[in-house]
C-alpha cells in the first residue's frame, strides 16, 4: 500500500484525487499514461460499487492507522456509516465488532502494508 500521503497538509484520500498532485502523482506524472491509469483505478474502485463503500472505508482507515497517518485518518467518507466506536476499534486493530465480510477485508488490510506481494 502507498505510504501516508499529504496534500498541502490535507489528507489524500483513495477516493479524492484533487488538482494538486501528491508526491506519488508527481512521480507517476512523468509517465502520463500511468497517472491516468492510477486515477482511473481509484475512481473505479470507489464508484463501481463492486466493493461496498463501507468496506473500502474500513480498510482504508485501518491501513491509515497502521501507518499512523493522521492526514489520511482525518479524511472521512460520511456515507460509509462508520461510527466513533468503530473508528476506535480500527485504531486498536480490534475487529470483533465488524461483520464476517468486514473482518475478512480487514485481515487483508492488515497484510497490505507489510506483505502486499
N, C-alpha and C. Protein backbone atom coordinates (compact mmCIF):
# COMPACT_ATOMS: atom_id res chain seq x y z
N UNK A 1 0.85 -1.17 0.00
CA UNK A 1 0.00 0.00 0.00
C UNK A 1 0.88 1.23 0.00
N UNK A 2 0.35 2.30 -0.47
CA UNK A 2 1.10 3.54 -0.54
C UNK A 2 1.34 4.08 0.86
N UNK A 3 2.46 4.74 1.06
CA UNK A 3 2.71 5.38 2.36
C UNK A 3 1.76 6.54 2.55
N UNK A 4 1.77 7.04 3.76
CA UNK A 4 0.95 8.21 4.08
C UNK A 4 1.26 9.34 3.11
N UNK A 5 0.25 9.85 2.47
CA UNK A 5 0.43 10.93 1.51
C UNK A 5 -0.23 12.18 2.05
N UNK A 6 0.38 13.30 1.82
CA UNK A 6 -0.23 14.55 2.23
C UNK A 6 -0.31 15.50 1.05
N UNK A 7 -1.32 16.31 1.05
CA UNK A 7 -1.52 17.31 0.00
C UNK A 7 -1.73 18.63 0.74
N UNK A 8 -0.66 19.41 0.83
CA UNK A 8 -0.71 20.72 1.50
C UNK A 8 -1.32 20.60 2.89
N UNK A 9 -0.91 19.58 3.64
CA UNK A 9 -1.40 19.41 5.00
C UNK A 9 -2.75 18.73 5.09
N UNK A 10 -3.38 18.47 3.97
CA UNK A 10 -4.68 17.78 3.97
C UNK A 10 -4.46 16.33 3.59
N UNK A 11 -5.26 15.43 4.11
CA UNK A 11 -5.14 14.03 3.77
C UNK A 11 -5.49 13.77 2.32
N UNK A 12 -4.78 12.87 1.70
CA UNK A 12 -5.10 12.46 0.33
C UNK A 12 -5.87 11.16 0.42
N UNK A 13 -7.12 11.19 0.13
CA UNK A 13 -7.96 10.02 0.22
C UNK A 13 -7.83 9.16 -1.02
N UNK A 14 -8.13 7.88 -0.87
CA UNK A 14 -8.17 6.98 -2.02
C UNK A 14 -9.20 7.44 -3.03
N UNK A 15 -10.21 8.13 -2.56
CA UNK A 15 -11.31 8.48 -3.42
C UNK A 15 -11.29 9.94 -3.85
N UNK A 16 -10.38 10.73 -3.34
CA UNK A 16 -10.37 12.15 -3.65
C UNK A 16 -9.05 12.55 -4.28
N UNK A 17 -9.01 12.53 -5.57
CA UNK A 17 -7.81 12.96 -6.29
C UNK A 17 -8.05 14.37 -6.79
N UNK A 18 -7.47 15.32 -6.12
CA UNK A 18 -7.69 16.73 -6.45
C UNK A 18 -6.71 17.19 -7.51
N UNK A 19 -6.75 18.46 -7.82
CA UNK A 19 -5.91 19.02 -8.87
C UNK A 19 -4.43 19.04 -8.49
N UNK A 20 -4.11 19.39 -7.25
CA UNK A 20 -2.71 19.45 -6.82
C UNK A 20 -2.18 18.03 -6.64
N UNK A 21 -1.11 17.68 -7.36
CA UNK A 21 -0.62 16.30 -7.28
C UNK A 21 0.07 15.97 -5.97
N UNK A 22 -0.10 14.74 -5.52
CA UNK A 22 0.62 14.22 -4.37
C UNK A 22 2.02 13.83 -4.84
N UNK A 23 2.93 13.49 -3.92
CA UNK A 23 4.26 13.04 -4.34
C UNK A 23 4.18 11.83 -5.29
N UNK A 24 3.31 10.88 -5.02
CA UNK A 24 3.17 9.71 -5.89
C UNK A 24 2.66 10.14 -7.26
N UNK A 25 1.68 11.05 -7.27
CA UNK A 25 1.14 11.52 -8.55
C UNK A 25 2.19 12.28 -9.35
N UNK A 26 3.06 13.03 -8.66
CA UNK A 26 4.13 13.74 -9.38
C UNK A 26 5.07 12.75 -10.07
N UNK A 27 5.40 11.67 -9.38
CA UNK A 27 6.27 10.65 -9.99
C UNK A 27 5.54 9.98 -11.15
N UNK A 28 4.30 9.56 -10.92
CA UNK A 28 3.54 8.93 -12.00
C UNK A 28 3.31 9.89 -13.16
N UNK A 29 3.26 11.18 -12.85
CA UNK A 29 3.07 12.19 -13.88
C UNK A 29 4.19 12.23 -14.91
N UNK A 30 5.34 11.65 -14.55
CA UNK A 30 6.43 11.55 -15.53
C UNK A 30 6.04 10.61 -16.66
N UNK A 31 5.09 9.74 -16.37
CA UNK A 31 4.51 8.84 -17.38
C UNK A 31 3.00 9.08 -17.35
N UNK A 32 2.50 10.03 -18.10
CA UNK A 32 1.09 10.42 -18.03
C UNK A 32 0.11 9.25 -18.13
N UNK A 33 0.47 8.22 -18.91
CA UNK A 33 -0.43 7.07 -19.03
C UNK A 33 -0.54 6.31 -17.71
N UNK A 34 0.54 6.29 -16.91
CA UNK A 34 0.50 5.65 -15.59
C UNK A 34 -0.36 6.46 -14.63
N UNK A 35 -0.20 7.77 -14.65
CA UNK A 35 -1.02 8.62 -13.79
C UNK A 35 -2.49 8.49 -14.16
N UNK A 36 -2.80 8.48 -15.43
CA UNK A 36 -4.21 8.33 -15.85
C UNK A 36 -4.76 6.99 -15.39
N UNK A 37 -3.98 5.93 -15.51
CA UNK A 37 -4.43 4.61 -15.06
C UNK A 37 -4.63 4.56 -13.55
N UNK A 38 -3.72 5.18 -12.82
CA UNK A 38 -3.81 5.26 -11.36
C UNK A 38 -5.11 5.95 -10.94
N UNK A 39 -5.38 7.08 -11.56
CA UNK A 39 -6.60 7.82 -11.23
C UNK A 39 -7.86 7.06 -11.63
N UNK A 40 -7.82 6.41 -12.78
CA UNK A 40 -8.97 5.59 -13.22
C UNK A 40 -9.24 4.47 -12.23
N UNK A 41 -8.16 3.81 -11.78
CA UNK A 41 -8.29 2.71 -10.84
C UNK A 41 -9.00 3.15 -9.57
N UNK A 42 -8.54 4.24 -8.96
CA UNK A 42 -9.16 4.68 -7.71
C UNK A 42 -10.56 5.22 -7.91
N UNK A 43 -10.81 5.90 -9.02
CA UNK A 43 -12.17 6.35 -9.32
C UNK A 43 -13.10 5.15 -9.44
N UNK A 44 -12.65 4.15 -10.19
CA UNK A 44 -13.46 2.95 -10.40
C UNK A 44 -13.69 2.21 -9.08
N UNK A 45 -12.64 2.09 -8.30
CA UNK A 45 -12.75 1.39 -7.02
C UNK A 45 -13.84 1.99 -6.15
N UNK A 46 -13.89 3.33 -6.07
CA UNK A 46 -14.84 3.99 -5.20
C UNK A 46 -16.22 4.18 -5.83
N UNK A 47 -16.31 4.18 -7.14
CA UNK A 47 -17.60 4.47 -7.78
C UNK A 47 -18.33 3.25 -8.32
N UNK A 48 -17.63 2.14 -8.52
CA UNK A 48 -18.23 0.99 -9.20
C UNK A 48 -19.26 0.26 -8.35
N UNK A 49 -19.10 0.29 -7.04
CA UNK A 49 -19.99 -0.47 -6.17
C UNK A 49 -19.60 -1.93 -6.07
N UNK A 50 -18.54 -2.34 -6.73
CA UNK A 50 -18.09 -3.73 -6.66
C UNK A 50 -17.74 -4.11 -5.22
N UNK A 51 -17.04 -3.21 -4.55
CA UNK A 51 -16.73 -3.38 -3.12
C UNK A 51 -17.56 -2.33 -2.39
N UNK A 52 -18.34 -2.74 -1.40
CA UNK A 52 -19.15 -1.75 -0.68
C UNK A 52 -18.30 -0.62 -0.10
N UNK A 53 -18.84 0.59 -0.17
CA UNK A 53 -18.13 1.77 0.34
C UNK A 53 -17.67 1.59 1.77
N UNK A 54 -18.52 0.99 2.58
CA UNK A 54 -18.19 0.81 3.99
C UNK A 54 -16.92 -0.04 4.14
N UNK A 55 -16.82 -1.11 3.36
CA UNK A 55 -15.63 -1.97 3.43
C UNK A 55 -14.41 -1.22 2.93
N UNK A 56 -14.54 -0.46 1.86
CA UNK A 56 -13.43 0.36 1.37
C UNK A 56 -12.97 1.33 2.45
N UNK A 57 -13.93 1.98 3.10
CA UNK A 57 -13.60 2.96 4.12
C UNK A 57 -12.96 2.29 5.34
N UNK A 58 -13.49 1.16 5.77
CA UNK A 58 -12.90 0.46 6.92
C UNK A 58 -11.46 0.06 6.63
N UNK A 59 -11.22 -0.50 5.46
CA UNK A 59 -9.87 -0.95 5.14
C UNK A 59 -8.93 0.24 4.95
N UNK A 60 -9.41 1.29 4.31
CA UNK A 60 -8.59 2.49 4.13
C UNK A 60 -8.17 3.06 5.47
N UNK A 61 -9.13 3.15 6.40
CA UNK A 61 -8.82 3.70 7.72
C UNK A 61 -7.90 2.78 8.52
N UNK A 62 -8.08 1.47 8.40
CA UNK A 62 -7.19 0.56 9.13
C UNK A 62 -5.76 0.70 8.63
N UNK A 63 -5.59 0.79 7.33
CA UNK A 63 -4.25 0.96 6.77
C UNK A 63 -3.66 2.31 7.22
N UNK A 64 -4.48 3.36 7.25
CA UNK A 64 -4.02 4.66 7.75
C UNK A 64 -3.58 4.55 9.21
N UNK A 65 -4.33 3.78 10.01
CA UNK A 65 -3.96 3.60 11.42
C UNK A 65 -2.65 2.83 11.55
N UNK A 66 -2.47 1.81 10.73
CA UNK A 66 -1.22 1.03 10.76
C UNK A 66 -0.03 1.93 10.44
N UNK A 67 -0.21 2.81 9.45
CA UNK A 67 0.86 3.73 9.05
C UNK A 67 0.96 4.94 9.97
N UNK A 68 0.03 5.04 10.92
CA UNK A 68 -0.01 6.19 11.81
C UNK A 68 -0.09 7.49 10.99
N UNK A 69 -0.94 7.46 9.97
CA UNK A 69 -1.08 8.58 9.05
C UNK A 69 -2.29 9.43 9.45
N UNK A 70 -2.03 10.46 10.25
CA UNK A 70 -3.11 11.30 10.74
C UNK A 70 -3.80 12.07 9.61
N UNK A 71 -3.06 12.44 8.58
CA UNK A 71 -3.66 13.18 7.46
C UNK A 71 -4.70 12.31 6.76
N UNK A 72 -4.36 11.06 6.49
CA UNK A 72 -5.31 10.15 5.84
C UNK A 72 -6.44 9.79 6.79
N UNK A 73 -6.11 9.60 8.06
CA UNK A 73 -7.11 9.25 9.08
C UNK A 73 -8.16 10.35 9.20
N UNK A 74 -7.77 11.61 9.00
CA UNK A 74 -8.69 12.73 9.16
C UNK A 74 -9.73 12.80 8.05
N UNK A 75 -9.49 12.16 6.92
CA UNK A 75 -10.43 12.17 5.80
C UNK A 75 -11.50 11.11 6.08
N UNK A 76 -12.76 11.47 5.91
CA UNK A 76 -13.86 10.54 6.16
C UNK A 76 -14.83 10.50 4.99
N UNK A 77 -15.30 9.29 4.69
CA UNK A 77 -16.40 9.11 3.76
C UNK A 77 -17.65 9.05 4.63
N UNK A 78 -18.36 10.15 4.73
CA UNK A 78 -19.53 10.25 5.62
C UNK A 78 -20.66 9.29 5.22
N UNK A 79 -20.63 8.80 3.99
CA UNK A 79 -21.68 7.90 3.53
C UNK A 79 -21.39 6.43 3.86
N UNK A 80 -20.22 6.16 4.44
CA UNK A 80 -19.82 4.78 4.73
C UNK A 80 -20.43 4.26 6.02
N UNK A 81 -20.90 5.13 6.89
CA UNK A 81 -21.56 4.69 8.11
C UNK A 81 -20.64 4.11 9.17
N UNK A 82 -19.44 4.65 9.30
CA UNK A 82 -18.51 4.18 10.32
C UNK A 82 -18.67 5.09 11.54
N UNK A 83 -19.03 4.49 12.69
CA UNK A 83 -19.27 5.30 13.88
C UNK A 83 -18.01 5.43 14.74
N UNK A 84 -18.10 6.24 15.79
CA UNK A 84 -16.95 6.55 16.64
C UNK A 84 -16.37 5.30 17.31
N UNK A 85 -17.23 4.40 17.77
CA UNK A 85 -16.74 3.17 18.40
C UNK A 85 -15.99 2.30 17.40
N UNK A 86 -16.46 2.27 16.16
CA UNK A 86 -15.78 1.51 15.12
C UNK A 86 -14.44 2.15 14.77
N UNK A 87 -14.40 3.47 14.74
CA UNK A 87 -13.13 4.16 14.49
C UNK A 87 -12.11 3.81 15.56
N UNK A 88 -12.55 3.81 16.80
CA UNK A 88 -11.66 3.44 17.91
C UNK A 88 -11.16 2.00 17.75
N UNK A 89 -12.05 1.11 17.36
CA UNK A 89 -11.67 -0.29 17.16
C UNK A 89 -10.65 -0.43 16.03
N UNK A 90 -10.85 0.33 14.95
CA UNK A 90 -9.90 0.30 13.84
C UNK A 90 -8.51 0.77 14.29
N UNK A 91 -8.47 1.80 15.09
CA UNK A 91 -7.18 2.30 15.61
C UNK A 91 -6.45 1.22 16.41
N UNK A 92 -7.22 0.47 17.20
CA UNK A 92 -6.64 -0.58 18.05
C UNK A 92 -6.37 -1.88 17.30
N UNK A 93 -6.95 -2.03 16.11
CA UNK A 93 -6.82 -3.29 15.37
C UNK A 93 -7.75 -4.36 15.90
N UNK A 94 -8.82 -3.95 16.54
CA UNK A 94 -9.81 -4.87 17.11
C UNK A 94 -10.97 -5.00 16.13
N UNK A 95 -11.12 -6.19 15.54
CA UNK A 95 -12.16 -6.36 14.52
C UNK A 95 -13.41 -7.06 15.03
N UNK A 96 -13.52 -7.27 16.33
CA UNK A 96 -14.63 -8.05 16.91
C UNK A 96 -16.01 -7.45 16.61
N UNK A 97 -16.11 -6.17 16.46
CA UNK A 97 -17.43 -5.54 16.29
C UNK A 97 -17.90 -5.51 14.84
N UNK A 98 -17.09 -6.02 13.92
CA UNK A 98 -17.43 -5.95 12.50
C UNK A 98 -18.00 -7.27 11.99
N UNK A 99 -18.70 -7.20 10.86
CA UNK A 99 -19.30 -8.39 10.26
C UNK A 99 -18.21 -9.33 9.74
N UNK A 100 -18.60 -10.54 9.37
CA UNK A 100 -17.63 -11.51 8.84
C UNK A 100 -16.96 -10.98 7.57
N UNK A 101 -17.73 -10.37 6.68
CA UNK A 101 -17.15 -9.83 5.45
C UNK A 101 -16.19 -8.68 5.76
N UNK A 102 -16.56 -7.84 6.71
CA UNK A 102 -15.69 -6.73 7.10
C UNK A 102 -14.42 -7.24 7.76
N UNK A 103 -14.53 -8.26 8.60
CA UNK A 103 -13.34 -8.85 9.23
C UNK A 103 -12.41 -9.45 8.18
N UNK A 104 -12.97 -10.09 7.17
CA UNK A 104 -12.14 -10.66 6.09
C UNK A 104 -11.40 -9.55 5.35
N UNK A 105 -12.09 -8.45 5.05
CA UNK A 105 -11.45 -7.33 4.36
C UNK A 105 -10.38 -6.69 5.25
N UNK A 106 -10.66 -6.57 6.54
CA UNK A 106 -9.68 -6.00 7.46
C UNK A 106 -8.45 -6.91 7.61
N UNK A 107 -8.64 -8.22 7.51
CA UNK A 107 -7.50 -9.14 7.55
C UNK A 107 -6.58 -8.90 6.35
N UNK A 108 -7.17 -8.65 5.19
CA UNK A 108 -6.36 -8.31 4.00
C UNK A 108 -5.68 -6.97 4.22
N UNK A 109 -6.43 -5.99 4.76
CA UNK A 109 -5.86 -4.67 5.01
C UNK A 109 -4.66 -4.76 5.96
N UNK A 110 -4.72 -5.65 6.93
CA UNK A 110 -3.61 -5.83 7.87
C UNK A 110 -2.35 -6.29 7.15
N UNK A 111 -2.49 -7.03 6.07
CA UNK A 111 -1.34 -7.54 5.34
C UNK A 111 -0.79 -6.53 4.33
N UNK A 112 -1.62 -5.66 3.84
CA UNK A 112 -1.22 -4.75 2.75
C UNK A 112 0.05 -3.95 3.06
N UNK A 113 0.17 -3.35 4.23
CA UNK A 113 1.39 -2.55 4.47
C UNK A 113 2.67 -3.38 4.59
N UNK A 114 2.53 -4.66 4.88
CA UNK A 114 3.70 -5.48 5.18
C UNK A 114 3.97 -6.58 4.17
N UNK A 115 2.91 -7.16 3.62
CA UNK A 115 3.06 -8.33 2.74
C UNK A 115 2.17 -8.19 1.52
N UNK A 116 2.26 -7.08 0.85
CA UNK A 116 1.36 -6.78 -0.26
C UNK A 116 1.64 -7.61 -1.51
N UNK A 117 2.77 -8.28 -1.58
CA UNK A 117 3.05 -9.11 -2.75
C UNK A 117 2.45 -10.49 -2.59
